[in-house]
């Protein structure tokens, strides 16, 4: 059995693999570490290129495009390892990126997941939007990070170099303890893509497990490698999946109030897109709300299971304030201004 399986999910990403896979192969060349390519039935020459140029990489060929969530679920069911790293194909890793995370997980058996520091590949002295230096969640389900609050991304000046517990770790480079991953049910395949790693980490957290950021490990992420930031499909998935995640995981005493507020906030977001002339994104938001309302009941069994398996009174890293209020009204643009106690109790 491997100590670590580094698993890259691919769909028609030959160019990305050609650019970024060399760093992964070079800096993952350690005893007990195997690099896998899980291919979502690509129609380009991705698989043949990898077989020829990177013969040490093992191929897991899937029979169709299962998306991010189920693509990884199926691939990880075919792997035997203590830890797996779910690594985006547009990530450049650095020397010694694995060892700090392995050591942390070995020394903290209660840890179910961790992430490295995520810097921007395009602007390498800055954090990257999707994950930065570890994620948190506000009271209405809006994610933010050390190093990225809403649309403000900070430069990395070493201000967040401490190892801390976080609410969620980014799916761009997510190390999981495979036993805990499978016991928690893995990623929810109904999400297809976006928000599924936050949903998974919420399950870990509510069941008394730890999630952490290990800044000594550094990777560079292109970001928006599959769907661009303003892509209506990405907008749809983010809004729908966020509502699903809240419904699945919120305790009963918070559910009605939070979902009511979110309904109005999402309608305001849709109207904002309209006023900016972004008609397709506005349609995506309204469709996300409608589709969630239709599908809500189908997630009720998952909600019951999650609540039954919750063993903590409050989930650490889910803060009791609105990040929208902090950011837009009180002008708190940086994580350090939010005054969050990052010492887990």
Protein backbone atom coordinates (compact mmCIF):
# COMPACT_ATOMS: atom_id res chain seq x y z
CA UNK A 1 0.00 0.00 0.00
CA UNK A 2 1.24 3.49 -0.84
CA UNK A 3 1.88 6.05 1.86
CA UNK A 4 0.62 8.80 -0.45
CA UNK A 5 -1.29 8.72 -3.72
CA UNK A 6 -1.14 12.00 -5.64
CA UNK A 7 -4.23 11.92 -7.85
CA UNK A 8 -4.74 14.37 -10.70
CA UNK A 9 -8.19 14.40 -12.27
CA UNK A 10 -8.17 15.23 -15.96
CA UNK A 11 -10.62 15.96 -18.72
CA UNK A 12 -9.15 17.13 -22.03
CA UNK A 13 -6.34 18.91 -20.22
CA UNK A 14 -3.34 17.85 -22.24
CA UNK A 15 -1.86 21.36 -22.33
CA UNK A 16 -2.19 21.75 -18.56
CA UNK A 17 -0.65 18.33 -17.96
CA UNK A 18 2.23 19.08 -20.30
CA UNK A 19 2.94 22.28 -18.37
CA UNK A 20 2.39 21.22 -14.76
CA UNK A 21 2.85 17.46 -14.51
CA UNK A 22 6.69 17.68 -14.72
CA UNK A 23 6.87 19.47 -11.36
CA UNK A 24 4.53 16.93 -9.75
CA UNK A 25 6.55 13.97 -11.01
CA UNK A 26 9.89 15.56 -10.08
CA UNK A 27 8.96 16.68 -6.56
CA UNK A 28 6.85 13.64 -5.68
CA UNK A 29 9.67 11.18 -6.37
CA UNK A 30 9.73 9.71 -2.87
CA UNK A 31 9.49 6.23 -1.46
CA UNK A 32 5.86 5.29 -0.89
CA UNK A 33 4.47 8.02 -3.16
CA UNK A 34 2.70 7.25 -6.45
CA UNK A 35 1.32 9.78 -8.91
CA UNK A 36 -1.95 8.85 -10.64
CA UNK A 37 -3.83 10.41 -13.54
CA UNK A 38 -7.57 9.80 -13.22
CA UNK A 39 -8.95 10.54 -16.66
CA UNK A 40 -12.62 11.48 -17.12
CA UNK A 41 -12.90 9.92 -20.60
CA UNK A 42 -10.92 12.65 -22.37
CA UNK A 43 -11.26 12.95 -26.12
CA UNK A 44 -7.92 14.68 -26.60
CA UNK A 45 -4.50 13.01 -26.46
CA UNK A 46 -4.04 13.52 -22.70
CA UNK A 47 -3.70 9.87 -21.76
CA UNK A 48 -1.39 8.86 -24.59
CA UNK A 49 0.82 11.89 -23.91
CA UNK A 50 1.13 11.01 -20.24
CA UNK A 51 1.84 7.36 -20.98
CA UNK A 52 4.65 8.36 -23.35
CA UNK A 53 6.16 11.37 -21.56
CA UNK A 54 5.57 10.35 -17.93
CA UNK A 55 5.75 6.55 -17.74
CA UNK A 56 5.93 6.55 -13.92
CA UNK A 57 2.42 8.02 -13.71
CA UNK A 58 -0.29 5.39 -13.32
CA UNK A 59 -3.45 5.83 -15.36
CA UNK A 60 -6.96 5.33 -14.01
CA UNK A 61 -9.18 5.46 -17.09
CA UNK A 62 -12.82 6.31 -16.35
CA UNK A 63 -15.51 5.41 -18.88
CA UNK A 64 -17.22 8.84 -18.92
CA UNK A 65 -16.88 12.35 -17.54
CA UNK A 66 -18.04 11.98 -13.94
CA UNK A 67 -17.13 15.55 -12.99
CA UNK A 68 -14.83 16.53 -10.16
CA UNK A 69 -16.68 14.91 -7.26
CA UNK A 70 -17.56 11.47 -8.57
CA UNK A 71 -14.44 11.39 -10.73
CA UNK A 72 -12.38 11.49 -7.57
CA UNK A 73 -14.71 9.16 -5.66
CA UNK A 74 -14.36 6.46 -8.30
CA UNK A 75 -10.61 6.96 -8.65
CA UNK A 76 -9.95 6.86 -4.91
CA UNK A 77 -11.95 3.65 -4.61
CA UNK A 78 -9.37 2.06 -6.92
CA UNK A 79 -6.36 3.19 -4.89
CA UNK A 80 -4.80 1.74 -1.76
CA UNK A 81 -2.95 4.38 0.23
CA UNK A 82 -2.91 5.93 3.68
CA UNK A 83 -3.24 9.44 2.27
CA UNK A 84 -4.44 10.80 -1.04
CA UNK A 85 -3.85 14.25 -2.47
CA UNK A 86 -6.54 15.54 -4.79
CA UNK A 87 -4.48 17.80 -7.04
CA UNK A 88 -5.78 20.02 -9.82
CA UNK A 89 -4.09 19.63 -13.19
CA UNK A 90 -3.21 23.36 -13.20
CA UNK A 91 -1.04 23.24 -10.07
CA UNK A 92 2.74 23.62 -10.03
CA UNK A 93 4.23 22.04 -6.92
CA UNK A 94 7.54 22.91 -5.30
CA UNK A 95 10.42 21.03 -3.76
CA UNK A 96 9.51 19.49 -0.40
CA UNK A 97 5.80 20.16 -0.90
CA UNK A 98 4.77 16.74 0.39
CA UNK A 99 6.86 16.20 3.51
CA UNK A 100 5.35 18.92 5.77
CA UNK A 101 1.83 17.70 5.09
CA UNK A 102 2.76 14.04 5.59
CA UNK A 103 4.48 14.86 8.88
CA UNK A 104 1.49 16.85 10.09
CA UNK A 105 -0.98 14.09 9.28
CA UNK A 106 1.26 11.46 10.87
CA UNK A 107 1.58 13.52 14.05
CA UNK A 108 -2.13 14.43 14.25
CA UNK A 109 -4.22 11.27 13.88
CA UNK A 110 -7.39 13.31 14.43
CA UNK A 111 -6.65 15.26 11.23
CA UNK A 112 -8.79 14.16 8.29
CA UNK A 113 -7.48 16.70 5.77
CA UNK A 114 -5.00 19.47 5.17
CA UNK A 115 -3.84 21.79 2.41
CA UNK A 116 -0.62 23.60 1.48
CA UNK A 117 -0.27 27.33 1.01
CA UNK A 118 -1.79 28.18 -2.38
CA UNK A 119 -0.10 30.96 -4.30
CA UNK A 120 -1.11 32.33 -7.68
CA UNK A 121 0.80 30.89 -10.62
CA UNK A 122 0.23 34.09 -12.60
CA UNK A 123 1.28 36.40 -9.76
CA UNK A 124 3.60 34.32 -7.66
CA UNK A 125 4.02 36.72 -4.76
CA UNK A 126 0.26 36.67 -4.10
CA UNK A 127 -2.16 34.13 -2.72
CA UNK A 128 -4.52 32.34 -5.09
CA UNK A 129 -8.25 32.95 -4.82
CA UNK A 130 -9.35 29.33 -4.41
CA UNK A 131 -7.94 28.35 -1.03
CA UNK A 132 -5.12 30.79 -0.27
CA UNK A 133 -3.90 29.86 3.24
CA UNK A 134 -6.93 27.98 4.54
CA UNK A 135 -10.68 28.49 4.43
CA UNK A 136 -13.43 29.68 6.78
CA UNK A 137 -17.21 30.04 6.42
CA UNK A 138 -19.46 32.88 7.49
CA UNK A 139 -22.88 32.47 9.13
CA UNK A 140 -24.69 32.56 5.78
CA UNK A 141 -22.45 30.10 3.96
CA UNK A 142 -20.01 32.44 2.21
CA UNK A 143 -16.46 31.05 2.14
CA UNK A 144 -13.36 33.17 2.64
CA UNK A 145 -9.70 32.48 3.36
CA UNK A 146 -6.58 33.61 5.12
CA UNK A 147 -5.23 35.73 2.30
CA UNK A 148 -8.49 36.15 0.36
CA UNK A 149 -11.67 37.85 1.53
CA UNK A 150 -14.36 38.15 -1.14
CA UNK A 151 -12.53 39.57 -4.19
CA UNK A 152 -9.53 40.98 -2.31
CA UNK A 153 -6.48 38.74 -2.66
CA UNK A 154 -3.44 39.61 -0.54
CA UNK A 155 0.25 39.42 -1.33
CA UNK A 156 2.04 36.71 0.60
CA UNK A 157 4.46 38.45 2.95
CA UNK A 158 4.64 35.54 5.36
CA UNK A 159 1.79 36.97 7.45
CA UNK A 160 -0.07 33.65 7.47
CA UNK A 161 2.82 31.21 7.79
CA UNK A 162 1.59 29.58 10.99
CA UNK A 163 0.01 26.15 10.89
CA UNK A 164 -3.60 26.59 11.97
CA UNK A 165 -6.87 24.66 12.01
CA UNK A 166 -9.29 25.81 9.31
CA UNK A 167 -12.91 25.08 8.46
CA UNK A 168 -12.19 23.91 4.92
CA UNK A 169 -9.22 23.02 2.76
CA UNK A 170 -9.19 23.72 -0.95
CA UNK A 171 -9.90 21.04 -3.53
CA UNK A 172 -7.08 22.45 -5.66
CA UNK A 173 -4.60 20.58 -3.46
CA UNK A 174 -6.38 18.59 -0.79
CA UNK A 175 -4.67 15.91 1.27
CA UNK A 176 -7.11 13.50 2.91
CA UNK A 177 -6.75 10.50 5.16
CA UNK A 178 -8.38 7.91 2.92
CA UNK A 179 -10.01 5.95 5.71
CA UNK A 180 -11.78 9.08 6.99
CA UNK A 181 -12.61 10.17 3.44
CA UNK A 182 -14.44 6.93 2.75
CA UNK A 183 -16.12 6.83 6.17
CA UNK A 184 -17.47 10.37 5.62
CA UNK A 185 -18.90 9.31 2.24
CA UNK A 186 -16.38 11.11 0.07
CA UNK A 187 -17.31 14.05 -2.12
CA UNK A 188 -21.00 14.45 -2.93
CA UNK A 189 -21.23 13.51 -6.61
CA UNK A 190 -24.48 15.44 -7.01
CA UNK A 191 -22.44 18.65 -6.73
CA UNK A 192 -20.56 17.68 -9.93
CA UNK A 193 -18.06 20.50 -9.28
CA UNK A 194 -17.56 23.48 -6.91
CA UNK A 195 -18.17 23.63 -3.14
CA UNK A 196 -17.92 19.86 -2.73
CA UNK A 197 -14.67 20.08 -0.77
CA UNK A 198 -16.25 22.56 1.69
CA UNK A 199 -19.20 20.21 2.13
CA UNK A 200 -16.78 17.33 2.81
CA UNK A 201 -14.74 19.35 5.29
CA UNK A 202 -17.95 20.38 7.07
CA UNK A 203 -18.71 16.69 7.57
CA UNK A 204 -15.19 16.10 8.88
CA UNK A 205 -15.46 19.04 11.25
CA UNK A 206 -18.93 18.19 12.57
CA UNK A 207 -17.71 14.67 13.35
CA UNK A 208 -14.89 15.96 15.54
CA UNK A 209 -12.08 15.68 13.00
CA UNK A 210 -9.49 18.32 12.20
CA UNK A 211 -8.73 20.20 8.98
CA UNK A 212 -5.57 22.31 8.75
CA UNK A 213 -3.40 24.49 6.54
CA UNK A 214 0.33 23.72 6.37
CA UNK A 215 2.01 26.84 4.90
CA UNK A 216 5.48 25.30 4.84
CA UNK A 217 4.18 23.36 1.86
CA UNK A 218 3.76 25.69 -1.13
CA UNK A 219 2.09 25.19 -4.51
CA UNK A 220 1.13 27.54 -7.33
CA UNK A 221 -2.37 27.34 -8.81
CA UNK A 222 -3.49 28.83 -12.12
CA UNK A 223 -7.15 28.91 -11.05
CA UNK A 224 -10.26 28.94 -13.24
CA UNK A 225 -8.51 26.35 -15.35
CA UNK A 226 -11.74 24.54 -16.23
CA UNK A 227 -14.40 27.24 -16.03
CA UNK A 228 -13.52 30.92 -16.13
CA UNK A 229 -14.53 33.12 -13.20
CA UNK A 230 -17.56 34.69 -14.89
CA UNK A 231 -18.68 31.52 -16.66
CA UNK A 232 -22.48 31.12 -16.16
CA UNK A 233 -22.10 27.38 -15.52
CA UNK A 234 -19.62 28.10 -12.73
CA UNK A 235 -21.98 30.75 -11.34
CA UNK A 236 -24.84 28.24 -11.40
CA UNK A 237 -22.85 25.50 -9.67
CA UNK A 238 -21.49 27.81 -6.99
CA UNK A 239 -24.92 29.19 -6.07
CA UNK A 240 -26.81 25.89 -6.26
CA UNK A 241 -24.14 23.87 -4.46
CA UNK A 242 -23.77 26.45 -1.72
CA UNK A 243 -27.49 26.19 -0.96
CA UNK A 244 -27.31 22.40 -1.01
CA UNK A 245 -24.32 22.45 1.32
CA UNK A 246 -26.14 24.68 3.81
CA UNK A 247 -29.24 22.50 3.72
CA UNK A 248 -27.24 19.32 4.23
CA UNK A 249 -25.20 20.57 7.18
CA UNK A 250 -26.85 23.40 9.11
CA UNK A 251 -28.22 22.48 12.55
CA UNK A 252 -31.99 22.62 12.93
CA UNK A 253 -31.95 25.80 15.04
CA UNK A 254 -30.17 27.73 12.26
CA UNK A 255 -31.67 26.29 9.09
CA UNK A 256 -34.84 28.35 8.57
CA UNK A 257 -33.28 31.70 9.44
CA UNK A 258 -30.14 31.20 7.38
CA UNK A 259 -31.98 29.90 4.33
CA UNK A 260 -34.41 32.81 4.44
CA UNK A 261 -31.59 35.35 4.50
CA UNK A 262 -29.74 33.50 1.76
CA UNK A 263 -32.82 33.53 -0.46
CA UNK A 264 -32.85 37.33 -0.38
CA UNK A 265 -29.09 37.64 -0.74
CA UNK A 266 -29.10 35.36 -3.78
CA UNK A 267 -31.92 37.29 -5.43
CA UNK A 268 -29.94 40.48 -4.82
CA UNK A 269 -26.88 38.82 -6.41
CA UNK A 270 -28.96 37.90 -9.46
CA UNK A 271 -30.27 41.46 -9.77
CA UNK A 272 -26.73 42.77 -9.44
CA UNK A 273 -25.68 40.66 -12.42
CA UNK A 274 -28.63 42.06 -14.36
CA UNK A 275 -27.67 45.64 -13.58
CA UNK A 276 -24.13 44.93 -14.78
CA UNK A 277 -25.51 43.57 -18.05
CA UNK A 278 -24.39 40.02 -17.24
CA UNK A 279 -27.66 38.44 -18.34
CA UNK A 280 -26.46 34.84 -18.51
CA UNK A 281 -24.96 34.98 -15.02
CA UNK A 282 -28.21 36.45 -13.70
CA UNK A 283 -30.15 33.61 -15.30
CA UNK A 284 -27.68 31.15 -13.75
CA UNK A 285 -28.37 32.49 -10.25
CA UNK A 286 -32.15 32.33 -10.63
CA UNK A 287 -31.92 28.84 -12.12
CA UNK A 288 -29.71 27.73 -9.22
CA UNK A 289 -32.32 28.92 -6.71
CA UNK A 290 -35.13 27.22 -8.61
CA UNK A 291 -33.25 23.95 -9.08
CA UNK A 292 -32.29 23.83 -5.41
CA UNK A 293 -35.93 24.28 -4.40
CA UNK A 294 -36.93 21.39 -6.67
CA UNK A 295 -34.09 19.08 -5.57
CA UNK A 296 -34.03 20.00 -1.89
CA UNK A 297 -36.04 17.00 -0.75
CA UNK A 298 -33.64 14.60 -2.46
CA UNK A 299 -30.91 15.74 -0.05
CA UNK A 300 -33.02 15.19 3.08
CA UNK A 301 -31.55 11.75 3.84
CA UNK A 302 -28.02 13.17 3.64
CA UNK A 303 -29.07 15.94 6.01
CA UNK A 304 -30.48 13.43 8.51
CA UNK A 305 -27.29 11.36 8.35
CA UNK A 306 -25.05 14.40 8.82
CA UNK A 307 -27.00 15.62 11.84
CA UNK A 308 -27.05 12.15 13.37
CA UNK A 309 -23.26 11.88 13.06
CA UNK A 310 -22.54 15.37 14.38
CA UNK A 311 -20.77 15.13 17.73
CA UNK A 312 -19.69 18.77 18.34
CA UNK A 313 -21.84 21.57 19.72
CA UNK A 314 -20.45 24.12 17.27
CA UNK A 315 -18.28 23.57 14.23
CA UNK A 316 -14.99 25.44 14.57
CA UNK A 317 -14.13 27.82 11.72
CA UNK A 318 -17.75 28.65 10.88
CA UNK A 319 -17.87 32.21 12.17
CA UNK A 320 -20.86 33.98 13.66
CA UNK A 321 -20.81 37.07 11.44
CA UNK A 322 -21.65 38.07 7.89
CA UNK A 323 -18.56 38.44 5.72
CA UNK A 324 -20.64 40.59 3.34
CA UNK A 325 -21.31 43.07 6.14
CA UNK A 326 -17.67 43.04 7.25
CA UNK A 327 -16.35 43.49 3.71
CA UNK A 328 -18.79 45.87 2.02
CA UNK A 329 -20.07 47.94 4.97
CA UNK A 330 -17.27 47.88 7.54
CA UNK A 331 -14.56 47.77 4.85
CA UNK A 332 -12.65 44.86 6.38
CA UNK A 333 -10.73 43.70 3.32
CA UNK A 334 -8.08 41.49 4.91
CA UNK A 335 -8.32 38.37 7.02
CA UNK A 336 -6.17 39.92 9.76
CA UNK A 337 -8.77 42.68 10.17
CA UNK A 338 -11.52 40.17 10.99
CA UNK A 339 -10.00 39.37 14.41
CA UNK A 340 -10.66 35.65 14.23
CA UNK A 341 -9.06 33.60 16.99
CA UNK A 342 -7.27 30.88 15.06
CA UNK A 343 -6.36 28.90 18.19
CA UNK A 344 -8.81 25.99 18.12
CA UNK A 345 -10.42 25.16 21.44
